[in-house]
Amino acid sequence: MAEEDMETGSESDLDAAPPVHPVPTMQGAFEESMNETMNDSDEPEVPDRYSKADSVTRRKMLLEQTQYERTVAGRWKQKPGEKFHPLWKLVAQISFGMHLLQQGLAKSDEEVLKILQTHVDEVDGFLERTTEDFDLAQRDINERIRYLKLPLEHGQVFDQMLADRNFRVAIVEGNEKIEHIIDRTAAAMNDALKDVQKGLDATRELAKYMTRVDKQWYDRTEEHDSVYLAMIGNTEGWTRAFLTLQSKGGHLRKALVELGGIVAEMQRRAGAASRKNLASNVQ
């Protein structure tokens, strides 16, 4: 939330001491967020081709990068030097906006509501984007499992085919590509799950604050009551969504382990066939 829309005192007051956040655990994230806004960070914006790419394009970029980088994570990547995760800072801004409304401190309720909606949309966007990435990765890995399990289900025929050197080479090269896909998918998944945990923790703090506010904001107007109820709905929905993402991450991790096991078995059989061929040539 832009500080010029939330400011409750003069610029000199802000320079002397930042506003006290209603949620103590969010004070640091809030201050870092304020500093970033006022100082206009020199960090370049994420290129549109990353921030606006669909899930298929993001996965393609993930797998084709020379080295793994969280470029496709866009604004949700915690940059070097940052003490707090972007989701913590975003939720800190949301809770402070609700605080201004509850305390009657906003210069303009309308502006605060607009900014709150923007931040809500940003959290929704993170959840939607991460869900799309997890679902696509799961479908991709499941398809590869089905495809690669087939030859192992006919092991005798597969072993006979491995007697051909060209076929062995093709299997080994194919397995290297699969191992690359496993490694990249696992790296992206683990990083995304860290984001999810940060978002879940921040949302739970927001939910506690909203419960506390309900007891203090007894004189809220009809409009403010609608805003309060909407934010309660957001916190409940976000909590469910974050937990669902954690579950999806667990399923994806199991699939990656299964695919890795299939690749290892194919490598083992290819190695055995190669040694057998070498032994026969020596004789």
Protein backbone atom coordinates (compact mmCIF):
# COMPACT_ATOMS: atom_id res chain seq x y z
CA MET A 1 0.00 0.00 0.00
CA ALA A 2 1.45 3.33 -1.03
CA GLU A 3 2.57 5.29 1.98
CA GLU A 4 1.21 8.56 0.64
CA ASP A 5 -2.28 7.04 0.88
CA MET A 6 -1.74 5.62 4.35
CA GLU A 7 0.23 8.41 5.94
CA THR A 8 -1.17 9.58 9.25
CA GLY A 9 1.42 12.18 10.10
CA SER A 10 3.88 14.57 8.51
CA GLU A 11 6.94 13.48 6.56
CA SER A 12 9.12 14.56 9.43
CA ASP A 13 7.12 12.30 11.75
CA LEU A 14 7.72 9.39 9.41
CA ASP A 15 11.42 10.17 9.25
CA ALA A 16 11.60 10.21 13.03
CA ALA A 17 9.82 6.92 13.53
CA PRO A 18 7.81 4.64 11.25
CA PRO A 19 4.15 4.03 12.14
CA VAL A 20 3.54 1.29 14.68
CA HIS A 21 2.01 -1.68 12.94
CA PRO A 22 -1.02 -3.24 14.68
CA VAL A 23 0.54 -6.69 14.27
CA PRO A 24 3.93 -6.67 16.02
CA THR A 25 5.25 -9.63 14.00
CA MET A 26 4.70 -7.59 10.83
CA GLN A 27 6.47 -4.41 11.97
CA GLY A 28 9.75 -5.27 10.28
CA ALA A 29 8.12 -6.37 7.02
CA PHE A 30 5.99 -3.21 7.03
CA GLU A 31 9.00 -0.94 7.54
CA GLU A 32 10.97 -2.67 4.80
CA SER A 33 7.99 -2.30 2.48
CA MET A 34 7.70 1.41 3.29
CA ASN A 35 11.40 1.96 2.69
CA GLU A 36 11.22 0.22 -0.68
CA THR A 37 8.31 2.39 -1.75
CA MET A 38 9.86 5.66 -0.64
CA ASN A 39 13.36 4.88 -1.90
CA ASP A 40 12.30 3.43 -5.26
CA SER A 41 14.54 0.37 -5.35
CA ASP A 42 17.09 0.25 -8.18
CA GLU A 43 16.24 -3.42 -8.78
CA PRO A 44 15.05 -3.75 -12.40
CA GLU A 45 11.47 -4.76 -12.99
CA VAL A 46 10.80 -8.34 -14.01
CA PRO A 47 10.54 -8.42 -17.82
CA ASP A 48 6.99 -8.77 -19.13
CA ARG A 49 7.83 -12.07 -20.79
CA TYR A 50 8.33 -13.55 -17.33
CA SER A 51 5.70 -11.74 -15.29
CA LYS A 52 2.96 -12.12 -17.91
CA ALA A 53 3.89 -15.55 -19.26
CA ASP A 54 1.35 -18.36 -18.97
CA SER A 55 2.10 -21.60 -17.14
CA VAL A 56 3.24 -23.46 -20.28
CA THR A 57 5.69 -20.70 -21.17
CA ARG A 58 6.95 -20.46 -17.58
CA ARG A 59 7.64 -24.20 -17.49
CA LYS A 60 9.40 -24.07 -20.85
CA MET A 61 11.64 -21.27 -19.58
CA LEU A 62 12.31 -23.16 -16.36
CA LEU A 63 13.47 -26.26 -18.21
CA GLU A 64 15.47 -24.44 -20.87
CA GLN A 65 17.47 -22.10 -18.61
CA THR A 66 21.22 -22.78 -18.77
CA GLN A 67 21.34 -22.56 -14.98
CA TYR A 68 18.43 -22.67 -12.57
CA GLU A 69 17.29 -19.21 -11.56
CA ARG A 70 14.02 -18.10 -10.03
CA THR A 71 13.41 -15.70 -12.90
CA VAL A 72 9.97 -17.17 -13.54
CA ALA A 73 9.01 -16.48 -9.91
CA GLY A 74 8.65 -12.81 -10.81
CA ARG A 75 8.02 -10.45 -7.93
CA TRP A 76 7.64 -13.28 -5.39
CA LYS A 77 11.34 -14.00 -5.34
CA GLN A 78 12.96 -12.74 -2.15
CA LYS A 79 15.89 -10.70 -3.39
CA PRO A 80 19.37 -10.53 -1.82
CA GLY A 81 19.41 -8.03 1.00
CA GLU A 82 15.70 -8.32 1.73
CA LYS A 83 14.94 -9.47 5.26
CA PHE A 84 11.29 -10.20 4.63
CA HIS A 85 9.43 -12.18 2.01
CA PRO A 86 7.28 -10.23 -0.48
CA LEU A 87 4.13 -12.00 0.73
CA TRP A 88 4.85 -10.95 4.32
CA LYS A 89 5.25 -7.36 3.18
CA LEU A 90 2.10 -7.49 1.12
CA VAL A 91 0.00 -8.89 3.96
CA ALA A 92 1.57 -6.35 6.32
CA GLN A 93 0.30 -3.61 4.02
CA ILE A 94 -3.17 -5.19 3.94
CA SER A 95 -3.44 -5.41 7.70
CA PHE A 96 -2.20 -1.84 8.10
CA GLY A 97 -4.82 -0.65 5.63
CA MET A 98 -7.51 -2.36 7.70
CA HIS A 99 -6.00 -0.72 10.78
CA LEU A 100 -6.35 2.73 9.21
CA LEU A 101 -10.01 2.09 8.41
CA GLN A 102 -10.73 0.73 11.87
CA GLN A 103 -9.02 3.64 13.61
CA GLY A 104 -10.47 6.27 11.27
CA LEU A 105 -6.96 7.45 10.38
CA ALA A 106 -7.12 7.17 6.59
CA LYS A 107 -6.89 10.41 4.63
CA SER A 108 -9.30 8.84 2.15
CA ASP A 109 -11.23 5.64 2.79
CA GLU A 110 -11.84 5.35 -0.93
CA GLU A 111 -8.13 5.35 -1.74
CA VAL A 112 -7.35 2.86 1.00
CA LEU A 113 -10.08 0.54 -0.29
CA LYS A 114 -8.71 0.76 -3.83
CA ILE A 115 -5.22 -0.12 -2.64
CA LEU A 116 -6.52 -2.94 -0.46
CA GLN A 117 -8.28 -4.43 -3.48
CA THR A 118 -5.06 -4.20 -5.47
CA HIS A 119 -3.18 -6.09 -2.77
CA VAL A 120 -5.94 -8.70 -2.49
CA ASP A 121 -5.72 -9.23 -6.25
CA GLU A 122 -1.95 -9.67 -5.95
CA VAL A 123 -2.29 -12.44 -3.36
CA ASP A 124 -4.98 -14.08 -5.49
CA GLY A 125 -2.64 -13.81 -8.46
CA PHE A 126 0.18 -15.55 -6.61
CA LEU A 127 -2.11 -18.40 -5.60
CA GLU A 128 -3.51 -18.78 -9.11
CA ARG A 129 -0.08 -18.68 -10.72
CA THR A 130 1.46 -21.18 -8.30
CA THR A 131 -1.51 -23.54 -8.60
CA GLU A 132 -1.21 -23.47 -12.40
CA ASP A 133 2.52 -24.24 -12.19
CA PHE A 134 2.01 -27.14 -9.78
CA ASP A 135 -0.83 -28.63 -11.81
CA LEU A 136 1.11 -28.41 -15.07
CA ALA A 137 4.23 -29.92 -13.50
CA GLN A 138 2.15 -32.76 -12.04
CA ARG A 139 0.58 -33.54 -15.41
CA ASP A 140 3.98 -33.46 -17.11
CA ILE A 141 5.61 -35.78 -14.58
CA ASN A 142 2.62 -38.16 -14.54
CA GLU A 143 2.76 -38.43 -18.32
CA ARG A 144 6.46 -39.22 -18.25
CA ILE A 145 5.90 -41.87 -15.58
CA ARG A 146 3.22 -43.57 -17.68
CA TYR A 147 5.41 -43.45 -20.77
CA LEU A 148 8.57 -44.79 -19.11
CA LYS A 149 6.86 -47.47 -17.01
CA LEU A 150 5.65 -49.22 -20.14
CA PRO A 151 9.00 -50.74 -21.22
CA LEU A 152 9.74 -51.83 -17.65
CA GLU A 153 6.42 -53.66 -17.54
CA HIS A 154 7.79 -55.76 -20.40
CA GLY A 155 11.26 -56.19 -18.93
CA GLN A 156 12.35 -59.17 -21.00
CA VAL A 157 11.58 -57.43 -24.28
CA PHE A 158 13.21 -54.22 -23.03
CA ASP A 159 16.39 -56.10 -22.07
CA GLN A 160 16.53 -57.68 -25.52
CA MET A 161 16.22 -54.25 -27.14
CA LEU A 162 19.04 -52.97 -24.93
CA ALA A 163 21.38 -55.39 -26.65
CA ASP A 164 21.44 -52.85 -29.49
CA ARG A 165 24.07 -50.21 -28.76
CA ASN A 166 22.22 -47.43 -30.53
CA PHE A 167 19.13 -48.12 -28.46
CA ARG A 168 21.19 -48.07 -25.26
CA VAL A 169 22.69 -44.72 -26.22
CA ALA A 170 19.24 -43.32 -26.92
CA ILE A 171 17.98 -44.55 -23.54
CA VAL A 172 20.95 -43.05 -21.67
CA GLU A 173 20.61 -39.71 -23.44
CA GLY A 174 16.86 -39.69 -22.83
CA ASN A 175 17.39 -40.45 -19.15
CA GLU A 176 19.78 -37.52 -18.84
CA LYS A 177 17.06 -35.23 -20.14
CA ILE A 178 14.55 -36.70 -17.70
CA GLU A 179 16.97 -36.24 -14.80
CA HIS A 180 17.33 -32.60 -15.81
CA ILE A 181 13.56 -32.20 -15.80
CA ILE A 182 13.35 -33.84 -12.37
CA ASP A 183 16.05 -31.59 -10.93
CA ARG A 184 14.53 -28.37 -12.32
CA THR A 185 11.00 -29.31 -11.31
CA ALA A 186 12.13 -30.20 -7.79
CA ALA A 187 14.09 -26.95 -7.42
CA ALA A 188 11.15 -24.83 -8.56
CA MET A 189 8.74 -26.80 -6.40
CA ASN A 190 10.87 -26.42 -3.27
CA ASP A 191 11.24 -22.68 -3.80
CA ALA A 192 7.52 -22.30 -4.44
CA LEU A 193 6.70 -24.25 -1.29
CA LYS A 194 8.89 -21.85 0.70
CA ASP A 195 6.81 -18.99 -0.72
CA VAL A 196 3.63 -20.87 0.17
CA GLN A 197 4.75 -21.36 3.76
CA LYS A 198 5.59 -17.66 4.08
CA GLY A 199 2.20 -16.74 2.67
CA LEU A 200 0.42 -19.15 4.99
CA ASP A 201 2.23 -17.81 8.05
CA ALA A 202 1.44 -14.22 7.10
CA THR A 203 -2.20 -15.03 6.39
CA ARG A 204 -2.59 -16.70 9.78
CA GLU A 205 -1.24 -13.57 11.44
CA LEU A 206 -3.71 -11.49 9.43
CA ALA A 207 -6.56 -13.80 10.50
CA LYS A 208 -5.63 -13.35 14.16
CA TYR A 209 -5.59 -9.59 13.71
CA MET A 210 -8.99 -9.61 11.99
CA THR A 211 -10.47 -11.61 14.87
CA ARG A 212 -9.08 -9.08 17.33
CA VAL A 213 -10.36 -6.15 15.28
CA ASP A 214 -13.89 -7.57 15.27
CA LYS A 215 -14.10 -7.02 19.04
CA GLN A 216 -12.74 -3.46 18.80
CA TRP A 217 -14.53 -2.22 15.68
CA TYR A 218 -18.02 -2.31 17.16
CA ASP A 219 -19.07 1.02 15.62
CA ARG A 220 -18.11 0.21 12.02
CA THR A 221 -20.33 1.50 9.27
CA GLU A 222 -22.23 -0.75 6.87
CA GLU A 223 -19.55 -0.18 4.24
CA HIS A 224 -16.77 -0.96 6.67
CA ASP A 225 -18.62 -4.06 7.83
CA SER A 226 -18.74 -5.26 4.22
CA VAL A 227 -15.00 -4.66 3.91
CA TYR A 228 -14.36 -6.51 7.16
CA LEU A 229 -16.44 -9.51 6.12
CA ALA A 230 -14.80 -9.59 2.71
CA MET A 231 -11.35 -9.61 4.30
CA ILE A 232 -12.38 -12.42 6.65
CA GLY A 233 -13.46 -14.34 3.55
CA ASN A 234 -10.12 -13.61 1.92
CA THR A 235 -8.11 -14.90 4.87
CA GLU A 236 -10.17 -18.09 5.02
CA GLY A 237 -9.89 -18.64 1.27
CA TRP A 238 -6.16 -17.91 1.21
CA THR A 239 -5.53 -20.28 4.10
CA ARG A 240 -7.33 -23.10 2.28
CA ALA A 241 -5.49 -22.30 -0.95
CA PHE A 242 -2.06 -22.29 0.72
CA LEU A 243 -2.80 -25.62 2.43
CA THR A 244 -3.98 -27.07 -0.88
CA LEU A 245 -0.73 -25.98 -2.51
CA GLN A 246 1.24 -27.73 0.22
CA SER A 247 -0.75 -30.88 -0.51
CA LYS A 248 -0.09 -30.53 -4.24
CA GLY A 249 3.59 -30.12 -3.45
CA GLY A 250 3.54 -33.38 -1.52
CA HIS A 251 1.93 -35.24 -4.43
CA LEU A 252 4.40 -33.73 -6.89
CA ARG A 253 7.35 -34.70 -4.70
CA LYS A 254 6.16 -38.33 -4.61
CA ALA A 255 5.78 -38.36 -8.38
CA LEU A 256 9.30 -37.00 -8.84
CA VAL A 257 10.68 -39.73 -6.59
CA GLU A 258 8.77 -42.35 -8.60
CA LEU A 259 10.05 -40.99 -11.89
CA GLY A 260 13.58 -40.90 -10.52
CA GLY A 261 13.27 -44.55 -9.53
CA ILE A 262 12.12 -45.51 -13.02
CA VAL A 263 15.05 -43.68 -14.59
CA ALA A 264 17.48 -45.36 -12.19
CA GLU A 265 16.10 -48.79 -13.09
CA MET A 266 16.41 -48.10 -16.81
CA GLN A 267 19.98 -46.92 -16.26
CA ARG A 268 20.73 -50.07 -14.31
CA ARG A 269 19.40 -52.29 -17.09
CA ALA A 270 21.26 -50.30 -19.76
CA GLY A 271 24.49 -50.64 -17.77
CA ALA A 272 24.00 -54.38 -17.36
CA ALA A 273 23.36 -54.76 -21.09
CA SER A 274 26.48 -52.76 -21.90
CA ARG A 275 28.65 -54.91 -19.62
CA LYS A 276 27.15 -58.06 -21.08
CA ASN A 277 27.88 -56.85 -24.59
CA LEU A 278 31.44 -55.92 -23.63
CA ALA A 279 32.02 -59.36 -22.09
CA SER A 280 30.77 -61.13 -25.21
CA ASN A 281 33.08 -59.06 -27.43
CA VAL A 282 36.07 -59.87 -25.24
CA GLN A 283 35.39 -63.57 -25.60
